[in-house]
Amino acid sequence: MKKQRNGLLFKFVIIISVVCCFSVHGQIRTDTAGSKIAGDSLTLSKIISIVVQNHPSVKEMTEAINYADAAIGLAKSGYYPNVDAEASYTRLGPAEKLSIPMLGSFELYPVNNYSASLNFVQSLYDFGKTAKNVQYASEVKNLNELSIEQVKQKLASTVTSLYYAVVYLQEAILINKEQLLTLNGHLDFIQKKKESGSATQYEILSTKVKISKVESDGIDLQTTLDNQLTELNSLMGQASAKRFNVKKDLEIKLPDHPSDSLIPYAYKHRDETIILNEKTTLAGMKYNLVKAQNNPAFNLFITGGGKNGYFPDLNAIKPNFVAGVGFKYTLFDGTRTKFALLQVKSGMETTSLETELEKRTISSEVTENEDNLTSSIKKVEHNELQLTQAQEAFSLAQTNYTAGNITNLDLLDAATTVSESKLLLLKSKIGYIINVYKLKAAIGERLY
């Protein structure tokens, strides 16, 4: 009768421990230093938002856009006139004089020369050269804007992987602590049994070995979690020692596209192909721009001011002006344009090859992530079945223990198997979610 009561007591301890192990969501959690951390404090979308707004690489690309705006303004300056003012003083010597009999001597030019003028030059027509410069600068800005989207997408992908690694480690640490609690409860129970002579020293030592292993695993899990949080803090621009929890969100929708349309969809929406297409457009515009460099140009020029040196009073300052129209046409530029065009053509061919290579890479990534997603679905189903079997085995172990057919260690092993099966199921579900995000990234869906 006493043995039956002891068995029922231990059975109760095991059940409570297992229930506690998986009823921890929304509670206050404790880190290795013993300080309390509020549960479910940050979501994935919140962390991604912080990163894409504050990361230095995003700010760097924003400055590249500002630089491109300045380049557009510089290109447009070709439409506006150049206006400048000049003033000069010149002393000439020796002073030359012309002597005429009976009329006297005359200065041929003033010794002191003064001049001031306002100059105005306006391009009247340059056969599209300025327009092509403006179009090219605008296209460079478009390329920079696409590049900043690519940077944000890569940051979001990195954050997603780190986020779900933290989700897994948080849950694994909780399960580890509950396993440790169960083992310590079992150790107390065995030690009491030994005092009554119904347990051996071997059972006590075996339990202590299990406790030591679980404690070691807990240290490794906490260290790994700290490292992952350090990386997240670095991405968010926070102090590396800051600790926080993330929300355990295991809900996600698959991409809403038929399987046979994923690769064509990726070609149209991946940042890499969009950027390469933009580079192709930019190369074509640069080709036209280089060709236009030697286009003729008509200019209007007007200069007005005052200077001395006019007959008959050479020292008197008089107003003067110069106005006219100029025409410039390059007849020979030393083959510079010829070889510049060859460089541009080579760049266009390189971009075309890069586009083809990128399409092959995208096709491979989409196919690989589809396969990984299919495999992760099978793993989830397998681990769900394994958990069901582990729970059934634990129920049978409880019955057999009550009947005296198995030892306390056998019952504890069955309970531990349930915990491990739940951990494997959690890992497979997180693996499934990460593969869904990887597939979304592979086809070009935004993760932020």
Protein backbone atom coordinates (compact mmCIF):
# COMPACT_ATOMS: atom_id res chain seq x y z
CA MET A 1 0.00 0.00 0.00
CA LYS A 2 2.85 2.36 0.88
CA LYS A 3 4.52 1.57 -2.46
CA GLN A 4 1.32 2.42 -4.31
CA ARG A 5 1.04 5.79 -2.53
CA ASN A 6 4.66 6.60 -3.40
CA GLY A 7 4.03 5.71 -7.04
CA LEU A 8 0.94 7.92 -7.20
CA LEU A 9 2.91 10.78 -5.62
CA PHE A 10 5.70 10.54 -8.16
CA LYS A 11 3.19 10.26 -10.97
CA PHE A 12 1.62 13.52 -9.76
CA VAL A 13 5.05 15.24 -9.67
CA ILE A 14 5.82 14.16 -13.25
CA ILE A 15 2.47 15.34 -14.61
CA ILE A 16 2.78 18.75 -12.94
CA SER A 17 6.33 19.18 -14.24
CA VAL A 18 5.37 18.36 -17.83
CA VAL A 19 2.35 20.68 -17.71
CA CYS A 20 4.48 23.51 -16.34
CA CYS A 21 7.01 22.92 -19.08
CA PHE A 22 4.56 23.86 -21.81
CA SER A 23 2.40 26.46 -20.08
CA VAL A 24 4.88 29.31 -20.00
CA HIS A 25 3.63 31.75 -22.66
CA GLY A 26 2.84 35.24 -21.42
CA GLN A 27 4.59 34.66 -18.08
CA ILE A 28 7.50 36.63 -16.63
CA ARG A 29 10.76 34.97 -17.69
CA THR A 30 14.13 35.06 -15.95
CA ASP A 31 17.57 35.24 -17.57
CA THR A 32 20.75 33.61 -16.26
CA ALA A 33 21.50 36.61 -14.06
CA GLY A 34 18.11 36.28 -12.35
CA SER A 35 16.69 39.58 -13.67
CA LYS A 36 13.11 39.59 -14.93
CA ILE A 37 12.28 40.16 -18.58
CA ALA A 38 8.74 40.84 -19.81
CA GLY A 39 7.41 38.13 -22.16
CA ASP A 40 6.58 38.71 -25.84
CA SER A 41 8.02 42.21 -25.95
CA LEU A 42 9.07 42.57 -29.61
CA THR A 43 7.51 41.34 -32.83
CA LEU A 44 9.30 40.52 -36.07
CA SER A 45 7.74 43.45 -37.93
CA LYS A 46 8.81 45.84 -35.16
CA ILE A 47 12.43 44.69 -35.24
CA ILE A 48 12.57 44.84 -39.05
CA SER A 49 11.08 48.35 -38.95
CA ILE A 50 13.77 49.51 -36.50
CA VAL A 51 16.56 47.98 -38.57
CA VAL A 52 15.52 49.31 -42.00
CA GLN A 53 15.05 52.80 -40.58
CA ASN A 54 18.29 53.08 -38.64
CA HIS A 55 20.89 50.76 -40.15
CA PRO A 56 24.00 52.58 -41.47
CA SER A 57 23.87 50.78 -44.82
CA VAL A 58 20.36 52.17 -45.43
CA LYS A 59 21.48 55.67 -44.45
CA GLU A 60 24.49 55.31 -46.73
CA MET A 61 22.22 54.48 -49.66
CA THR A 62 19.99 57.43 -48.74
CA GLU A 63 23.01 59.68 -49.06
CA ALA A 64 23.68 58.13 -52.47
CA ILE A 65 20.18 59.27 -53.49
CA ASN A 66 20.95 62.77 -52.20
CA TYR A 67 24.15 62.71 -54.25
CA ALA A 68 22.12 61.66 -57.32
CA ASP A 69 19.72 64.58 -56.76
CA ALA A 70 22.70 66.91 -56.78
CA ALA A 71 23.94 65.29 -60.00
CA ILE A 72 20.54 65.91 -61.63
CA GLY A 73 20.71 69.56 -60.60
CA LEU A 74 24.24 69.78 -62.00
CA ALA A 75 23.11 68.33 -65.33
CA LYS A 76 20.19 70.78 -65.52
CA SER A 77 22.59 73.69 -65.04
CA GLY A 78 23.38 73.33 -68.75
CA TYR A 79 20.03 74.97 -69.49
CA TYR A 80 20.95 78.14 -67.58
CA PRO A 81 23.31 80.97 -68.59
CA ASN A 82 26.74 81.65 -67.19
CA VAL A 83 27.06 85.18 -65.82
CA ASP A 84 30.28 86.61 -64.44
CA ALA A 85 31.90 89.96 -63.77
CA GLU A 86 35.47 90.99 -64.54
CA ALA A 87 37.64 93.98 -63.58
CA SER A 88 41.27 94.59 -64.37
CA TYR A 89 44.04 97.17 -64.25
CA THR A 90 47.07 96.98 -66.57
CA ARG A 91 50.18 99.19 -66.62
CA LEU A 92 51.98 99.28 -69.95
CA GLY A 93 55.52 100.48 -70.58
CA PRO A 94 57.49 102.04 -72.07
CA ALA A 95 55.02 104.72 -73.07
CA GLU A 96 55.20 105.23 -76.82
CA LYS A 97 54.46 108.64 -78.35
CA LEU A 98 53.96 109.78 -81.93
CA SER A 99 55.40 113.20 -82.90
CA ILE A 100 53.96 115.12 -85.84
CA PRO A 101 55.63 118.39 -87.00
CA MET A 102 53.64 121.48 -86.18
CA LEU A 103 50.96 119.29 -84.42
CA GLY A 104 52.88 118.04 -81.43
CA SER A 105 53.17 114.61 -79.71
CA PHE A 106 50.43 112.05 -79.19
CA GLU A 107 50.29 108.92 -76.97
CA LEU A 108 49.68 105.74 -78.99
CA TYR A 109 47.99 104.04 -76.02
CA PRO A 110 47.31 104.80 -72.38
CA VAL A 111 49.91 103.74 -69.84
CA ASN A 112 47.23 102.96 -67.23
CA ASN A 113 44.46 100.72 -68.56
CA TYR A 114 41.21 100.14 -66.67
CA SER A 115 38.48 97.69 -67.62
CA ALA A 116 35.28 96.34 -66.00
CA SER A 117 32.67 94.15 -67.67
CA LEU A 118 29.64 91.91 -67.07
CA ASN A 119 29.67 88.76 -69.20
CA PHE A 120 26.63 86.68 -70.19
CA VAL A 121 26.82 83.36 -72.09
CA GLN A 122 23.72 81.30 -72.88
CA SER A 123 23.57 78.00 -74.74
CA LEU A 124 20.93 78.34 -77.45
CA TYR A 125 20.95 74.78 -78.76
CA ASP A 126 23.28 71.82 -78.17
CA PHE A 127 21.43 69.13 -80.14
CA GLY A 128 20.17 67.25 -77.05
CA LYS A 129 23.46 66.96 -75.14
CA THR A 130 22.15 68.64 -71.98
CA ALA A 131 18.85 66.71 -72.14
CA LYS A 132 20.73 63.41 -72.33
CA ASN A 133 22.85 64.41 -69.33
CA VAL A 134 19.70 65.11 -67.30
CA GLN A 135 18.10 61.81 -68.34
CA TYR A 136 21.23 59.88 -67.45
CA ALA A 137 21.51 61.52 -64.01
CA SER A 138 17.81 60.79 -63.34
CA GLU A 139 18.32 57.14 -64.27
CA VAL A 140 21.27 56.91 -61.85
CA LYS A 141 18.94 58.12 -59.10
CA ASN A 142 16.41 55.41 -60.03
CA LEU A 143 19.17 52.82 -59.76
CA ASN A 144 20.14 54.09 -56.29
CA GLU A 145 16.51 53.93 -55.16
CA LEU A 146 16.33 50.31 -56.31
CA SER A 147 19.58 49.56 -54.52
CA ILE A 148 18.24 50.88 -51.21
CA GLU A 149 15.27 48.50 -51.56
CA GLN A 150 17.69 45.63 -52.10
CA VAL A 151 19.62 46.58 -48.96
CA LYS A 152 16.40 46.69 -46.91
CA GLN A 153 15.32 43.29 -48.25
CA LYS A 154 18.64 41.70 -47.30
CA LEU A 155 18.52 43.24 -43.83
CA ALA A 156 14.95 41.98 -43.35
CA SER A 157 16.01 38.49 -44.40
CA THR A 158 18.89 38.52 -41.90
CA VAL A 159 16.62 39.79 -39.13
CA THR A 160 14.04 37.08 -39.86
CA SER A 161 16.58 34.29 -39.45
CA LEU A 162 17.94 35.78 -36.21
CA TYR A 163 14.43 36.42 -34.88
CA TYR A 164 13.28 32.83 -35.23
CA ALA A 165 16.58 31.55 -33.87
CA VAL A 166 15.82 33.60 -30.74
CA VAL A 167 12.23 32.25 -30.63
CA TYR A 168 13.57 28.69 -30.68
CA LEU A 169 16.25 29.35 -28.07
CA GLN A 170 13.80 31.08 -25.72
CA GLU A 171 11.48 28.08 -25.79
CA ALA A 172 14.37 25.61 -25.56
CA ILE A 173 15.67 27.35 -22.42
CA LEU A 174 12.24 27.17 -20.80
CA ILE A 175 11.94 23.48 -21.60
CA ASN A 176 15.47 22.93 -20.29
CA LYS A 177 14.59 24.63 -16.99
CA GLU A 178 11.47 22.55 -16.59
CA GLN A 179 13.41 19.36 -17.33
CA LEU A 180 15.88 20.39 -14.65
CA LEU A 181 13.03 21.01 -12.22
CA THR A 182 11.59 17.58 -12.96
CA LEU A 183 14.95 15.87 -12.48
CA ASN A 184 15.59 17.63 -9.17
CA GLY A 185 12.14 16.59 -8.00
CA HIS A 186 12.92 13.04 -9.04
CA LEU A 187 16.27 13.20 -7.22
CA ASP A 188 14.54 14.27 -3.98
CA PHE A 189 12.06 11.44 -4.42
CA ILE A 190 14.81 8.83 -4.99
CA GLN A 191 16.82 10.08 -2.02
CA LYS A 192 13.79 9.66 0.24
CA LYS A 193 13.26 6.17 -1.12
CA LYS A 194 16.89 5.33 -0.43
CA GLU A 195 16.43 6.36 3.19
CA SER A 196 13.64 3.80 3.43
CA GLY A 197 15.79 1.19 1.68
CA SER A 198 13.68 0.96 -1.51
CA ALA A 199 16.18 2.74 -3.84
CA THR A 200 19.86 2.30 -4.63
CA GLN A 201 22.86 4.65 -4.83
CA TYR A 202 23.05 3.85 -8.56
CA GLU A 203 19.65 5.45 -9.13
CA ILE A 204 20.80 8.59 -7.30
CA LEU A 205 24.06 8.84 -9.29
CA SER A 206 22.26 8.23 -12.60
CA THR A 207 19.83 11.06 -11.83
CA LYS A 208 22.68 13.41 -10.89
CA VAL A 209 24.41 12.64 -14.20
CA LYS A 210 21.22 13.55 -16.05
CA ILE A 211 20.93 16.76 -14.03
CA SER A 212 24.52 17.69 -14.87
CA LYS A 213 23.91 17.14 -18.58
CA VAL A 214 20.72 19.22 -18.59
CA GLU A 215 22.51 22.03 -16.71
CA SER A 216 25.34 21.97 -19.28
CA ASP A 217 22.82 22.08 -22.13
CA GLY A 218 21.13 25.05 -20.46
CA ILE A 219 24.42 26.98 -20.29
CA ASP A 220 25.05 26.32 -24.00
CA LEU A 221 21.51 27.43 -24.92
CA GLN A 222 21.78 30.64 -22.91
CA THR A 223 25.17 31.47 -24.44
CA THR A 224 23.82 30.94 -27.93
CA LEU A 225 20.77 33.08 -27.14
CA ASP A 226 23.00 35.88 -25.82
CA ASN A 227 25.02 35.76 -29.05
CA GLN A 228 21.89 35.96 -31.21
CA LEU A 229 20.54 38.87 -29.18
CA THR A 230 23.89 40.64 -29.54
CA GLU A 231 23.60 40.37 -33.32
CA LEU A 232 20.02 41.67 -33.24
CA ASN A 233 21.07 44.58 -31.02
CA SER A 234 23.87 45.39 -33.45
CA LEU A 235 21.42 45.48 -36.36
CA MET A 236 19.02 47.69 -34.39
CA GLY A 237 21.80 50.00 -33.20
CA GLN A 238 21.24 49.19 -29.52
CA ALA A 239 23.65 48.38 -26.73
CA SER A 240 24.98 44.85 -27.24
CA ALA A 241 24.22 43.91 -23.62
CA LYS A 242 20.52 44.80 -23.88
CA ARG A 243 18.26 41.79 -23.33
CA PHE A 244 14.68 41.36 -24.50
CA ASN A 245 12.18 38.68 -25.45
CA VAL A 246 10.54 38.23 -28.83
CA LYS A 247 7.01 37.14 -29.53
CA LYS A 248 6.48 33.49 -30.39
CA ASP A 249 4.54 33.91 -33.64
CA LEU A 250 4.33 30.70 -35.65
CA GLU A 251 1.57 31.80 -38.05
CA ILE A 252 2.50 32.50 -41.66
CA LYS A 253 0.88 32.36 -45.09
CA LEU A 254 2.44 30.66 -48.08
CA PRO A 255 3.15 32.74 -51.22
CA ASP A 256 -0.10 33.07 -53.16
CA HIS A 257 1.32 31.94 -56.51
CA PRO A 258 1.10 28.63 -58.42
CA SER A 259 4.26 26.57 -58.21
CA ASP A 260 4.92 26.74 -61.96
CA SER A 261 4.77 30.55 -61.95
CA LEU A 262 7.22 31.17 -59.11
CA ILE A 263 10.36 31.40 -61.27
CA PRO A 264 8.85 33.82 -63.87
CA TYR A 265 7.44 35.86 -60.97
CA ALA A 266 10.90 35.97 -59.38
CA TYR A 267 12.47 37.20 -62.64
CA LYS A 268 10.10 40.18 -62.60
CA HIS A 269 10.22 41.02 -58.90
CA ARG A 270 13.68 40.17 -57.57
CA ASP A 271 15.72 43.29 -56.82
CA GLU A 272 18.74 41.76 -58.50
CA THR A 273 17.06 41.40 -61.92
CA ILE A 274 15.30 44.76 -61.64
CA ILE A 275 18.62 46.45 -60.87
CA LEU A 276 20.36 44.68 -63.75
CA ASN A 277 17.58 45.73 -66.12
CA GLU A 278 18.04 49.27 -64.87
CA LYS A 279 21.79 48.99 -65.47
CA THR A 280 21.08 47.86 -69.03
CA THR A 281 18.88 50.91 -69.57
CA LEU A 282 21.54 53.11 -67.99
CA ALA A 283 24.24 51.67 -70.26
CA GLY A 284 22.12 52.44 -73.33
CA MET A 285 21.64 56.00 -72.14
CA LYS A 286 25.35 56.36 -71.48
CA TYR A 287 26.07 55.16 -75.01
CA ASN A 288 23.82 57.88 -76.43
CA LEU A 289 25.36 60.42 -74.07
CA VAL A 290 28.90 59.62 -75.22
CA LYS A 291 27.79 59.95 -78.84
CA ALA A 292 26.31 63.36 -78.07
CA GLN A 293 29.46 64.78 -76.49
CA ASN A 294 30.71 66.04 -79.86
CA ASN A 295 27.36 67.46 -80.97
CA PRO A 296 27.52 71.03 -82.33
CA ALA A 297 26.57 73.88 -79.99
CA PHE A 298 25.16 77.35 -80.58
CA ASN A 299 25.88 79.95 -77.91
CA LEU A 300 24.84 83.57 -77.36
CA PHE A 301 27.37 85.84 -75.67
CA ILE A 302 27.02 89.43 -74.46
CA THR A 303 29.64 91.47 -72.64
CA GLY A 304 29.07 95.03 -71.42
CA GLY A 305 31.14 97.36 -69.28
CA GLY A 306 33.58 100.25 -69.37
CA LYS A 307 37.27 100.78 -70.22
CA ASN A 308 39.71 103.46 -71.31
CA GLY A 309 41.92 103.63 -74.38
CA TYR A 310 39.45 105.10 -76.87
CA PHE A 311 40.51 107.94 -79.19
CA PRO A 312 40.74 110.88 -78.82
CA ASP A 313 40.96 110.88 -74.99
CA LEU A 314 42.81 107.65 -74.25
CA ASN A 315 42.47 107.98 -70.48
CA ALA A 316 38.69 108.55 -70.41
CA ILE A 317 36.60 105.50 -69.41
CA LYS A 318 33.82 104.86 -71.87
CA PRO A 319 31.02 102.26 -71.90
CA ASN A 320 31.43 99.42 -74.37
CA PHE A 321 29.81 96.13 -75.31
CA VAL A 322 30.38 92.99 -77.35
CA ALA A 323 27.52 90.73 -78.51
CA GLY A 324 27.39 87.81 -80.87
CA VAL A 325 26.52 84.19 -81.58
CA GLY A 326 29.06 81.39 -81.53
CA PHE A 327 29.06 77.96 -83.17
CA LYS A 328 31.27 75.06 -82.14
CA TYR A 329 31.67 71.73 -83.89
CA THR A 330 34.31 69.13 -83.12
CA LEU A 331 36.00 67.85 -86.26
CA PHE A 332 38.44 65.46 -84.60
CA ASP A 333 38.75 64.46 -80.93
CA GLY A 334 41.75 62.16 -81.11
CA THR A 335 39.54 58.98 -81.24
CA ARG A 336 38.37 59.56 -77.64
CA THR A 337 34.71 59.12 -78.55
CA LYS A 338 35.42 55.95 -80.54
CA PHE A 339 37.08 54.15 -77.66
CA ALA A 340 34.62 55.52 -75.08
CA LEU A 341 31.81 53.93 -77.12
CA LEU A 342 33.69 50.63 -77.22
CA GLN A 343 33.95 50.72 -73.41
CA VAL A 344 30.24 51.34 -73.07
CA LYS A 345 29.43 48.48 -75.46
CA SER A 346 31.63 46.15 -73.43
CA GLY A 347 29.85 47.23 -70.26
CA MET A 348 26.48 46.53 -71.89
CA GLU A 349 27.57 43.03 -72.83
CA THR A 350 28.86 42.41 -69.30
CA THR A 351 25.52 43.51 -67.84
CA SER A 352 23.69 41.19 -70.24
CA LEU A 353 25.83 38.24 -69.08
CA GLU A 354 25.30 39.20 -65.43
CA THR A 355 21.54 39.21 -66.03
CA GLU A 356 21.64 35.72 -67.52
CA LEU A 357 23.77 34.44 -64.64
CA GLU A 358 21.45 36.05 -62.09
CA LYS A 359 18.42 34.40 -63.68
CA ARG A 360 20.08 31.00 -63.34
CA THR A 361 20.89 31.73 -59.70
CA ILE A 362 17.31 32.84 -59.01
CA SER A 363 15.89 29.75 -60.69
CA SER A 364 18.14 27.55 -58.55
CA GLU A 365 17.23 29.44 -55.33
CA VAL A 366 13.48 29.22 -55.97
CA THR A 367 13.64 25.49 -56.74
CA GLU A 368 15.87 24.80 -53.73
CA ASN A 369 13.63 26.74 -51.35
CA GLU A 370 10.53 25.00 -52.71
CA ASP A 371 12.17 21.64 -52.01
CA ASN A 372 13.21 22.75 -48.52
CA LEU A 373 9.67 23.92 -47.81
CA THR A 374 8.22 20.58 -48.90
CA SER A 375 10.75 18.79 -46.70
CA SER A 376 9.96 21.01 -43.69
CA ILE A 377 6.23 20.27 -44.05
CA LYS A 378 7.01 16.55 -43.91
CA LYS A 379 9.19 17.10 -40.83
CA VAL A 380 6.38 18.92 -39.04
CA GLU A 381 3.98 16.06 -39.80
CA HIS A 382 6.57 13.49 -38.67
CA ASN A 383 7.31 15.31 -35.42
CA GLU A 384 3.61 15.76 -34.68
CA LEU A 385 3.21 11.98 -35.00
CA GLN A 386 6.33 11.44 -32.86
CA LEU A 387 4.91 13.70 -30.13
CA THR A 388 1.60 11.83 -30.16
CA GLN A 389 3.46 8.54 -29.80
CA ALA A 390 5.65 9.93 -27.01
CA GLN A 391 2.58 11.11 -25.10
CA GLU A 392 0.95 7.70 -25.50
CA ALA A 393 4.16 6.02 -24.33
CA PHE A 394 4.26 8.31 -21.30
CA SER A 395 0.65 7.40 -20.46
CA LEU A 396 1.52 3.71 -20.66
CA ALA A 397 4.64 4.29 -18.54
CA GLN A 398 2.47 5.86 -15.84
CA THR A 399 0.22 2.80 -15.80
CA ASN A 400 3.16 0.38 -15.72
CA TYR A 401 4.88 2.34 -12.99
CA THR A 402 1.74 2.21 -10.84
CA ALA A 403 1.66 -1.54 -11.39
CA GLY A 404 5.32 -1.82 -10.40
CA ASN A 405 6.45 -3.07 -13.83
CA ILE A 406 9.00 -0.27 -14.55
CA THR A 407 11.40 1.82 -12.48
CA ASN A 408 11.26 5.51 -11.67
CA LEU A 409 14.01 6.14 -14.21
CA ASP A 410 11.94 4.50 -16.94
CA LEU A 411 9.04 6.79 -16.14
CA LEU A 412 11.34 9.82 -16.11
CA ASP A 413 12.80 8.82 -19.49
CA ALA A 414 9.29 8.67 -20.91
CA ALA A 415 8.52 12.15 -19.59
CA THR A 416 11.81 13.47 -20.98
CA THR A 417 10.96 11.99 -24.38
CA VAL A 418 7.73 14.01 -24.39
CA SER A 419 9.70 17.18 -23.70
CA GLU A 420 12.24 16.40 -26.40
CA SER A 421 9.47 15.60 -28.89
CA LYS A 422 7.81 18.94 -28.23
CA LEU A 423 11.14 20.65 -28.73
CA LEU A 424 11.67 18.85 -32.03
CA LEU A 425 8.18 19.82 -33.15
CA LEU A 426 8.88 23.46 -32.28
CA LYS A 427 12.17 23.31 -34.19
CA SER A 428 10.50 21.84 -37.26
CA LYS A 429 7.73 24.46 -37.18
CA ILE A 430 10.29 27.26 -36.97
CA GLY A 431 12.24 25.60 -39.80
CA TYR A 432 9.05 25.60 -41.85
CA ILE A 433 8.45 29.31 -41.17
CA ILE A 434 12.04 30.23 -42.08
CA ASN A 435 11.74 28.27 -45.33
CA VAL A 436 8.52 30.11 -46.17
CA TYR A 437 10.31 33.44 -45.65
CA LYS A 438 13.26 32.25 -47.73
CA LEU A 439 10.90 31.28 -50.55
CA LYS A 440 9.21 34.68 -50.35
CA ALA A 441 12.59 36.39 -50.53
CA ALA A 442 13.63 34.13 -53.42
CA ILE A 443 10.64 35.20 -55.54
CA GLY A 444 11.01 38.88 -54.62
CA GLU A 445 8.19 39.40 -52.11
CA ARG A 446 8.95 42.14 -49.61
CA LEU A 447 9.80 41.00 -46.09
CA TYR A 448 9.49 44.49 -44.64
